[in-house]
C-alpha atoms as a PDB file:
ATOM      1  CA  MET A   1     -14.497   1.054  17.738  1.00  0.00           C
ATOM      2  CA  LYS A   2     -12.603   4.070  16.427  1.00  0.00           C
ATOM      3  CA  ILE A   3     -13.380   5.259  12.887  1.00  0.00           C
ATOM      4  CA  ASN A   4     -11.813   7.899  10.674  1.00  0.00           C
ATOM      5  CA  ILE A   5     -12.906   8.535   7.085  1.00  0.00           C
ATOM      6  CA  ILE A   6     -10.468  10.224   4.697  1.00  0.00           C
ATOM      7  CA  LYS A   7     -12.086  11.636   1.586  1.00  0.00           C
ATOM      8  CA  SER A   8      -9.913  11.558  -1.503  1.00  0.00           C
ATOM      9  CA  GLU A   9      -9.974  15.318  -1.995  1.00  0.00           C
ATOM     10  CA  SER A  10      -8.724  15.926   1.568  1.00  0.00           C
ATOM     11  CA  ARG A  11      -5.371  14.218   0.922  1.00  0.00           C
ATOM     12  CA  GLY A  12      -2.190  16.219   0.472  1.00  0.00           C
ATOM     13  CA  LYS A  13      -1.001  16.756  -3.069  1.00  0.00           C
ATOM     14  CA  SER A  14       2.051  17.664  -5.109  1.00  0.00           C
ATOM     15  CA  ASP A  15       2.506  18.193  -8.855  1.00  0.00           C
ATOM     16  CA  ILE A  16       5.951  18.843 -10.308  1.00  0.00           C
ATOM     17  CA  GLY A  17       5.036  17.749 -13.833  1.00  0.00           C
ATOM     18  CA  TRP A  18       6.720  14.367 -14.171  1.00  0.00           C
ATOM     19  CA  LEU A  19       5.652  13.369 -10.640  1.00  0.00           C
ATOM     20  CA  LYS A  20       2.135  13.781  -9.299  1.00  0.00           C
ATOM     21  CA  THR A  21       1.430  12.532  -5.778  1.00  0.00           C
ATOM     22  CA  ARG A  22      -1.517  12.370  -3.400  1.00  0.00           C
ATOM     23  CA  TYR A  23      -0.459  11.869   0.222  1.00  0.00           C
ATOM     24  CA  SER A  24      -2.529  10.021   2.812  1.00  0.00           C
ATOM     25  CA  TYR A  25      -0.006  11.008   5.511  1.00  0.00           C
ATOM     26  CA  SER A  26       2.502  13.818   6.009  1.00  0.00           C
ATOM     27  CA  PHE A  27       5.411  13.382   3.622  1.00  0.00           C
ATOM     28  CA  SER A  28       7.889  15.568   1.742  1.00  0.00           C
ATOM     29  CA  ASN A  29       6.436  19.097   1.459  1.00  0.00           C
ATOM     30  CA  TYR A  30       3.004  18.015   2.739  1.00  0.00           C
ATOM     31  CA  TYR A  31       2.675  18.445   6.494  1.00  0.00           C
ATOM     32  CA  ASN A  32      -0.486  17.889   8.483  1.00  0.00           C
ATOM     33  CA  PRO A  33      -0.082  17.371  12.253  1.00  0.00           C
ATOM     34  CA  HIS A  34      -3.325  15.369  12.290  1.00  0.00           C
ATOM     35  CA  ARG A  35      -2.183  13.048   9.489  1.00  0.00           C
ATOM     36  CA  MET A  36       1.231  11.801  10.629  1.00  0.00           C
ATOM     37  CA  HIS A  37       0.596   8.045  10.552  1.00  0.00           C
ATOM     38  CA  PHE A  38      -1.913   5.306  11.377  1.00  0.00           C
ATOM     39  CA  GLY A  39      -0.297   3.010  13.920  1.00  0.00           C
ATOM     40  CA  LYS A  40       2.771   1.529  12.227  1.00  0.00           C
ATOM     41  CA  LEU A  41       1.607   2.704   8.784  1.00  0.00           C
ATOM     42  CA  ARG A  42       3.790   5.742   8.116  1.00  0.00           C
ATOM     43  CA  VAL A  43       3.333   6.493   4.394  1.00  0.00           C
ATOM     44  CA  LEU A  44       0.811   5.771   1.672  1.00  0.00           C
ATOM     45  CA  ASN A  45       1.626   7.736  -1.468  1.00  0.00           C
ATOM     46  CA  ASP A  46      -0.552   7.525  -4.582  1.00  0.00           C
ATOM     47  CA  ASP A  47       2.009   8.319  -7.315  1.00  0.00           C
ATOM     48  CA  TYR A  48       2.002   9.089 -11.038  1.00  0.00           C
ATOM     49  CA  VAL A  49       5.440   8.987 -12.700  1.00  0.00           C
ATOM     50  CA  ALA A  50       5.820  10.162 -16.306  1.00  0.00           C
ATOM     51  CA  ALA A  51       7.488   8.059 -18.997  1.00  0.00           C
ATOM     52  CA  GLY A  52      11.263   7.856 -18.659  1.00  0.00           C
ATOM     53  CA  MET A  53      11.295   9.656 -15.316  1.00  0.00           C
ATOM     54  CA  GLY A  54      11.844   8.629 -11.707  1.00  0.00           C
ATOM     55  CA  PHE A  55      14.070   8.839  -8.670  1.00  0.00           C
ATOM     56  CA  GLY A  56      17.845   8.438  -8.878  1.00  0.00           C
ATOM     57  CA  MET A  57      19.877   6.623  -6.243  1.00  0.00           C
ATOM     58  CA  HIS A  58      18.833   7.713  -2.739  1.00  0.00           C
ATOM     59  CA  PRO A  59      19.139   6.204   0.767  1.00  0.00           C
ATOM     60  CA  HIS A  60      16.686   4.592   3.189  1.00  0.00           C
ATOM     61  CA  ASP A  61      17.106   2.863   6.530  1.00  0.00           C
ATOM     62  CA  ASN A  62      14.923   1.058   9.088  1.00  0.00           C
ATOM     63  CA  MET A  63      11.710   1.092   7.070  1.00  0.00           C
ATOM     64  CA  GLU A  64       9.647  -1.571   5.292  1.00  0.00           C
ATOM     65  CA  ILE A  65       8.875  -0.161   1.826  1.00  0.00           C
ATOM     66  CA  ILE A  66       6.193  -1.759  -0.343  1.00  0.00           C
ATOM     67  CA  THR A  67       5.478  -0.761  -3.958  1.00  0.00           C
ATOM     68  CA  ILE A  68       2.266  -1.775  -5.751  1.00  0.00           C
ATOM     69  CA  PRO A  69       1.885  -0.504  -9.339  1.00  0.00           C
ATOM     70  CA  THR A  70      -1.672  -0.217 -10.651  1.00  0.00           C
ATOM     71  CA  LYS A  71      -0.645   0.765 -14.187  1.00  0.00           C
ATOM     72  CA  GLY A  72       2.645   0.349 -16.034  1.00  0.00           C
ATOM     73  CA  GLY A  73       5.936  -0.609 -14.431  1.00  0.00           C
ATOM     74  CA  LEU A  74       8.798   0.768 -12.331  1.00  0.00           C
ATOM     75  CA  ARG A  75      12.430  -0.369 -12.546  1.00  0.00           C
ATOM     76  CA  HIS A  76      14.237  -0.916  -9.235  1.00  0.00           C
ATOM     77  CA  GLN A  77      18.022  -0.957  -8.813  1.00  0.00           C
ATOM     78  CA  ASP A  78      19.827  -0.987  -5.478  1.00  0.00           C
ATOM     79  CA  SER A  79      23.192  -1.044  -3.753  1.00  0.00           C
ATOM     80  CA  MET A  80      22.878  -4.820  -3.180  1.00  0.00           C
ATOM     81  CA  GLY A  81      23.019  -5.380  -6.945  1.00  0.00           C
ATOM     82  CA  ASN A  82      19.327  -6.074  -7.492  1.00  0.00           C
ATOM     83  CA  SER A  83      17.785  -4.891 -10.756  1.00  0.00           C
ATOM     84  CA  ALA A  84      14.158  -5.712 -11.613  1.00  0.00           C
ATOM     85  CA  THR A  85      10.980  -4.094 -12.918  1.00  0.00           C
ATOM     86  CA  VAL A  86       7.740  -4.394 -10.949  1.00  0.00           C
ATOM     87  CA  HIS A  87       4.535  -4.171 -13.000  1.00  0.00           C
ATOM     88  CA  SER A  88       0.820  -3.841 -12.432  1.00  0.00           C
ATOM     89  CA  GLY A  89      -0.354  -7.087 -10.838  1.00  0.00           C
ATOM     90  CA  GLU A  90       2.910  -7.426  -8.914  1.00  0.00           C
ATOM     91  CA  VAL A  91       4.173  -6.263  -5.518  1.00  0.00           C
ATOM     92  CA  GLN A  92       7.664  -5.378  -4.363  1.00  0.00           C
ATOM     93  CA  VAL A  93       9.071  -5.207  -0.825  1.00  0.00           C
ATOM     94  CA  MET A  94      12.306  -3.700   0.427  1.00  0.00           C
ATOM     95  CA  SER A  95      13.499  -3.938   4.023  1.00  0.00           C
ATOM     96  CA  ALA A  96      15.852  -0.958   4.259  1.00  0.00           C
ATOM     97  CA  GLY A  97      17.298  -2.139   7.578  1.00  0.00           C
ATOM     98  CA  LYS A  98      20.732  -0.782   8.427  1.00  0.00           C
ATOM     99  CA  GLY A  99      20.867   1.133   5.162  1.00  0.00           C
ATOM    100  CA  ILE A 100      20.358   0.784   1.406  1.00  0.00           C
ATOM    101  CA  TYR A 101      20.515   2.951  -1.708  1.00  0.00           C
ATOM    102  CA  HIS A 102      18.063   2.408  -4.547  1.00  0.00           C
ATOM    103  CA  SER A 103      16.610   4.056  -7.638  1.00  0.00           C
ATOM    104  CA  GLU A 104      13.089   3.887  -9.086  1.00  0.00           C
ATOM    105  CA  ILE A 105      12.709   4.736 -12.784  1.00  0.00           C
ATOM    106  CA  ASN A 106       9.811   4.367 -15.212  1.00  0.00           C
ATOM    107  CA  PRO A 107      11.523   2.734 -18.232  1.00  0.00           C
ATOM    108  CA  TYR A 108       8.478   2.823 -20.497  1.00  0.00           C
ATOM    109  CA  HIS A 109       6.848   5.260 -22.931  1.00  0.00           C
ATOM    110  CA  GLU A 110       3.683   5.416 -20.819  1.00  0.00           C
ATOM    111  CA  PRO A 111       3.219   6.734 -17.254  1.00  0.00           C
ATOM    112  CA  VAL A 112       3.278   4.405 -14.270  1.00  0.00           C
ATOM    113  CA  GLU A 113       0.760   4.703 -11.443  1.00  0.00           C
ATOM    114  CA  LEU A 114       1.509   3.097  -8.103  1.00  0.00           C
ATOM    115  CA  PHE A 115       1.016   2.998  -4.370  1.00  0.00           C
ATOM    116  CA  GLN A 116       4.102   3.232  -2.196  1.00  0.00           C
ATOM    117  CA  ILE A 117       3.656   2.170   1.414  1.00  0.00           C
ATOM    118  CA  TRP A 118       6.072   2.632   4.307  1.00  0.00           C
ATOM    119  CA  ILE A 119       5.614   0.603   7.484  1.00  0.00           C
ATOM    120  CA  TYR A 120       7.739   0.951  10.623  1.00  0.00           C
ATOM    121  CA  PRO A 121       9.647  -2.324  11.259  1.00  0.00           C
ATOM    122  CA  ASN A 122       9.613  -4.299  14.495  1.00  0.00           C
ATOM    123  CA  VAL A 123      13.321  -5.136  14.210  1.00  0.00           C
ATOM    124  CA  MET A 124      15.952  -2.452  13.669  1.00  0.00           C
ATOM    125  CA  ASN A 125      19.230  -2.451  11.728  1.00  0.00           C
ATOM    126  CA  VAL A 126      18.710  -5.755   9.927  1.00  0.00           C
ATOM    127  CA  ASP A 127      20.572  -6.599   6.741  1.00  0.00           C
ATOM    128  CA  PRO A 128      18.642  -4.967   3.881  1.00  0.00           C
ATOM    129  CA  ARG A 129      16.639  -7.225   1.582  1.00  0.00           C
ATOM    130  CA  TYR A 130      14.507  -7.052  -1.566  1.00  0.00           C
ATOM    131  CA  ASP A 131      11.837  -9.283  -3.108  1.00  0.00           C
ATOM    132  CA  GLN A 132       8.897  -9.141  -5.480  1.00  0.00           C
ATOM    133  CA  MET A 133       6.177 -11.422  -6.807  1.00  0.00           C
ATOM    134  CA  SER A 134       3.136 -11.528  -9.080  1.00  0.00           C
ATOM    135  CA  TYR A 135      -0.230 -11.805  -7.335  1.00  0.00           C
ATOM    136  CA  HIS A 136      -2.457 -11.323 -10.391  1.00  0.00           C
ATOM    137  CA  GLN A 137      -2.973 -15.023 -11.090  1.00  0.00           C
ATOM    138  CA  VAL A 138      -3.953 -15.907  -7.507  1.00  0.00           C
ATOM    139  CA  LEU A 139      -6.591 -13.179  -7.142  1.00  0.00           C
ATOM    140  CA  GLU A 140     -10.060 -14.615  -6.644  1.00  0.00           C
ATOM    141  CA  PRO A 141     -13.147 -12.407  -7.060  1.00  0.00           C
ATOM    142  CA  GLU A 142     -14.760 -11.445  -3.737  1.00  0.00           C
ATOM    143  CA  GLN A 143     -11.831 -12.825  -1.737  1.00  0.00           C
ATOM    144  CA  TRP A 144      -9.133 -11.068   0.315  1.00  0.00           C
ATOM    145  CA  THR A 145      -5.815 -11.914  -1.359  1.00  0.00           C
ATOM    146  CA  LEU A 146      -2.909 -11.531   1.045  1.00  0.00           C
ATOM    147  CA  ILE A 147       0.161 -10.161  -0.755  1.00  0.00           C
ATOM    148  CA  VAL A 148       2.369  -9.077   2.192  1.00  0.00           C
ATOM    149  CA  GLY A 149       2.518 -10.414   5.748  1.00  0.00           C
ATOM    150  CA  PRO A 150       4.902 -11.137   8.638  1.00  0.00           C
ATOM    151  CA  LYS A 151       7.794 -13.542   8.154  1.00  0.00           C
ATOM    152  CA  GLY A 152       6.599 -17.148   8.290  1.00  0.00           C
ATOM    153  CA  PHE A 153       2.890 -16.302   8.089  1.00  0.00           C
ATOM    154  CA  SER A 154       2.252 -17.420   4.499  1.00  0.00           C
ATOM    155  CA  ASP A 155       4.352 -18.960   1.747  1.00  0.00           C
ATOM    156  CA  ARG A 156       2.050 -17.315  -0.827  1.00  0.00           C
ATOM    157  CA  ALA A 157       2.837 -13.752   0.230  1.00  0.00           C
ATOM    158  CA  LEU A 158       5.935 -11.618   0.542  1.00  0.00           C
ATOM    159  CA  TRP A 159       7.119 -10.926   4.075  1.00  0.00           C
ATOM    160  CA  ILE A 160       8.269  -7.893   6.050  1.00  0.00           C
ATOM    161  CA  TYR A 161       9.653  -7.210   9.526  1.00  0.00           C
ATOM    162  CA  GLN A 162       6.316  -6.293  11.105  1.00  0.00           C
ATOM    163  CA  ASP A 163       3.060  -7.907  12.257  1.00  0.00           C
ATOM    164  CA  ALA A 164       1.318  -6.211   9.330  1.00  0.00           C
ATOM    165  CA  PHE A 165      -0.804  -7.557   6.481  1.00  0.00           C
ATOM    166  CA  ILE A 166      -1.550  -6.113   3.044  1.00  0.00           C
ATOM    167  CA  SER A 167      -4.386  -7.557   0.972  1.00  0.00           C
ATOM    168  CA  ILE A 168      -6.073  -6.832  -2.356  1.00  0.00           C
ATOM    169  CA  TYR A 169      -9.800  -7.302  -2.978  1.00  0.00           C
ATOM    170  CA  HIS A 170     -11.481  -7.436  -6.402  1.00  0.00           C
ATOM    171  CA  GLY A 171     -15.285  -7.400  -6.553  1.00  0.00           C
ATOM    172  CA  ARG A 172     -17.482  -8.805  -9.302  1.00  0.00           C
ATOM    173  CA  ASP A 173     -19.739  -6.853 -11.665  1.00  0.00           C
ATOM    174  CA  THR A 174     -22.682  -7.068  -9.270  1.00  0.00           C
ATOM    175  CA  PRO A 175     -23.139  -5.619  -5.742  1.00  0.00           C
ATOM    176  CA  SER A 176     -22.077  -7.860  -2.866  1.00  0.00           C
ATOM    177  CA  GLU A 177     -21.045  -7.883   0.779  1.00  0.00           C
ATOM    178  CA  THR A 178     -17.853  -8.999   2.472  1.00  0.00           C
ATOM    179  CA  THR A 179     -16.297  -9.182   5.937  1.00  0.00           C
ATOM    180  CA  TYR A 180     -12.680  -8.517   6.746  1.00  0.00           C
ATOM    181  CA  HIS A 181     -11.461 -10.404   9.825  1.00  0.00           C
ATOM    182  CA  LEU A 182      -8.369  -8.939  11.459  1.00  0.00           C
ATOM    183  CA  LYS A 183      -5.423 -11.298  11.743  1.00  0.00           C
ATOM    184  CA  ASN A 184      -4.540  -9.692  15.091  1.00  0.00           C
ATOM    185  CA  PRO A 185      -7.308  -8.081  17.201  1.00  0.00           C
ATOM    186  CA  ASP A 186      -4.818  -5.535  18.570  1.00  0.00           C
ATOM    187  CA  ASN A 187      -4.206  -4.206  15.056  1.00  0.00           C
ATOM    188  CA  GLY A 188      -6.055  -1.498  13.174  1.00  0.00           C
ATOM    189  CA  VAL A 189      -7.114  -1.640   9.536  1.00  0.00           C
ATOM    190  CA  TYR A 190      -6.776   0.918   6.749  1.00  0.00           C
ATOM    191  CA  ILE A 191      -8.914   0.440   3.617  1.00  0.00           C
ATOM    192  CA  MET A 192      -8.548   2.450   0.410  1.00  0.00           C
ATOM    193  CA  VAL A 193     -11.045   2.239  -2.438  1.00  0.00           C
ATOM    194  CA  ILE A 194      -8.791   1.860  -5.483  1.00  0.00           C
ATOM    195  CA  GLU A 195     -11.779   1.841  -7.832  1.00  0.00           C
ATOM    196  CA  GLY A 196     -15.530   1.527  -7.301  1.00  0.00           C
ATOM    197  CA  GLY A 197     -17.170   2.068  -3.930  1.00  0.00           C
ATOM    198  CA  ILE A 198     -18.031   0.580  -0.547  1.00  0.00           C
ATOM    199  CA  GLN A 199     -20.720   1.047   2.052  1.00  0.00           C
ATOM    200  CA  PHE A 200     -19.618   1.084   5.677  1.00  0.00           C
ATOM    201  CA  SER A 201     -22.320   1.689   8.277  1.00  0.00           C
ATOM    202  CA  ASP A 202     -24.163   4.739   6.892  1.00  0.00           C
ATOM    203  CA  LYS A 203     -21.175   6.021   4.890  1.00  0.00           C
ATOM    204  CA  HIS A 204     -20.535   5.525   1.187  1.00  0.00           C
ATOM    205  CA  LEU A 205     -16.899   5.731   0.062  1.00  0.00           C
ATOM    206  CA  THR A 206     -15.852   6.054  -3.572  1.00  0.00           C
ATOM    207  CA  ARG A 207     -12.638   6.088  -5.627  1.00  0.00           C
ATOM    208  CA  ARG A 208      -9.539   6.818  -3.478  1.00  0.00           C
ATOM    209  CA  ASP A 209     -11.569   7.460  -0.329  1.00  0.00           C
ATOM    210  CA  SER A 210     -10.129   5.689   2.719  1.00  0.00           C
ATOM    211  CA  LEU A 211     -11.240   4.317   6.054  1.00  0.00           C
ATOM    212  CA  GLU A 212      -9.211   3.865   9.249  1.00  0.00           C
ATOM    213  CA  VAL A 213     -10.741   1.593  11.882  1.00  0.00           C
ATOM    214  CA  SER A 214      -9.307   0.276  15.157  1.00  0.00           C
ATOM    215  CA  GLU A 215     -10.564  -1.539  18.267  1.00  0.00           C
ATOM    216  CA  ILE A 216     -12.510  -4.108  16.219  1.00  0.00           C
ATOM    217  CA  VAL A 217     -12.095  -7.781  15.303  1.00  0.00           C
ATOM    218  CA  SER A 218     -13.975  -7.706  11.970  1.00  0.00           C
ATOM    219  CA  LEU A 219     -15.378  -5.211   9.506  1.00  0.00           C
ATOM    220  CA  GLN A 220     -18.435  -5.698   7.278  1.00  0.00           C
ATOM    221  CA  LEU A 221     -18.632  -3.841   3.983  1.00  0.00           C
ATOM    222  CA  GLY A 222     -21.114  -3.455   1.169  1.00  0.00           C
ATOM    223  CA  ILE A 223     -19.299  -3.673  -2.180  1.00  0.00           C
ATOM    224  CA  ASP A 224     -20.296  -1.791  -5.324  1.00  0.00           C
ATOM    225  CA  PRO A 225     -19.845  -3.497  -8.726  1.00  0.00           C
ATOM    226  CA  LEU A 226     -16.259  -3.702 -10.058  1.00  0.00           C
ATOM    227  CA  THR A 227     -14.713  -2.455  -6.829  1.00  0.00           C
ATOM    228  CA  ARG A 228     -11.019  -2.879  -6.025  1.00  0.00           C
ATOM    229  CA  LEU A 229      -9.701  -2.372  -2.491  1.00  0.00           C
ATOM    230  CA  LEU A 230      -6.313  -2.039  -0.837  1.00  0.00           C
ATOM    231  CA  VAL A 231      -6.314  -3.193   2.789  1.00  0.00           C
ATOM    232  CA  ILE A 232      -3.457  -2.584   5.232  1.00  0.00           C
ATOM    233  CA  GLU A 233      -3.668  -4.092   8.723  1.00  0.00           C
ATOM    234  CA  VAL A 234      -1.033  -2.760  11.131  1.00  0.00           C
ATOM    235  CA  PRO A 235      -0.182  -2.719  14.847  1.00  0.00           C
ATOM    236  CA  MET A 236      -1.427   0.434  16.539  1.00  0.00           C
ATOM    237  CA  ARG A 237       1.454   0.619  19.059  1.00  0.00           C
END
């Protein structure tokens, strides 16, 4: 078993006023040769976007891009003609494939907070695609709710071009324990504490701390009251 703990304060950071970002991996002006990626997980940005602000039209290609707001909403428009707003309790996926332009704007009078995740695809130069869904109503306390997986894996989750799985976990208001079983034993798993705390082995992780673990088939965690977790399982090669 390989373990790496990332404390929240050790992440990269940027603050340009309307955009505040904490970087789990090297991105934009943050460069750390020891924090380039975790397997096929390339980017996990923890973003704050001020009211009325955002990113104008810009290009992407050959990347699976997942957006998960935790507060507020973000409007998406792209060169395929899609226009939609993704809100807290929803998830959005975009397969950039052979090339797409899109914009991301906060249309509201309050800031939006979100996670943006980039995962390397297992198929290159596909036709670009976009989708989103609400997962809020299917969340069950103390259960792993799959929101993104490989194509054909689940009709209750969005799909991407990769053998990767993204789940959300919401704990109750009392301490508990849970076990995460990897869908593929060759994968690794990244866990971020969105809110609350977890106990792993002799380590206690709190808000926005993260854990990278590989060469395992399951992971047992102690869960603090009112804990929310983001779990990303990805191929390591």
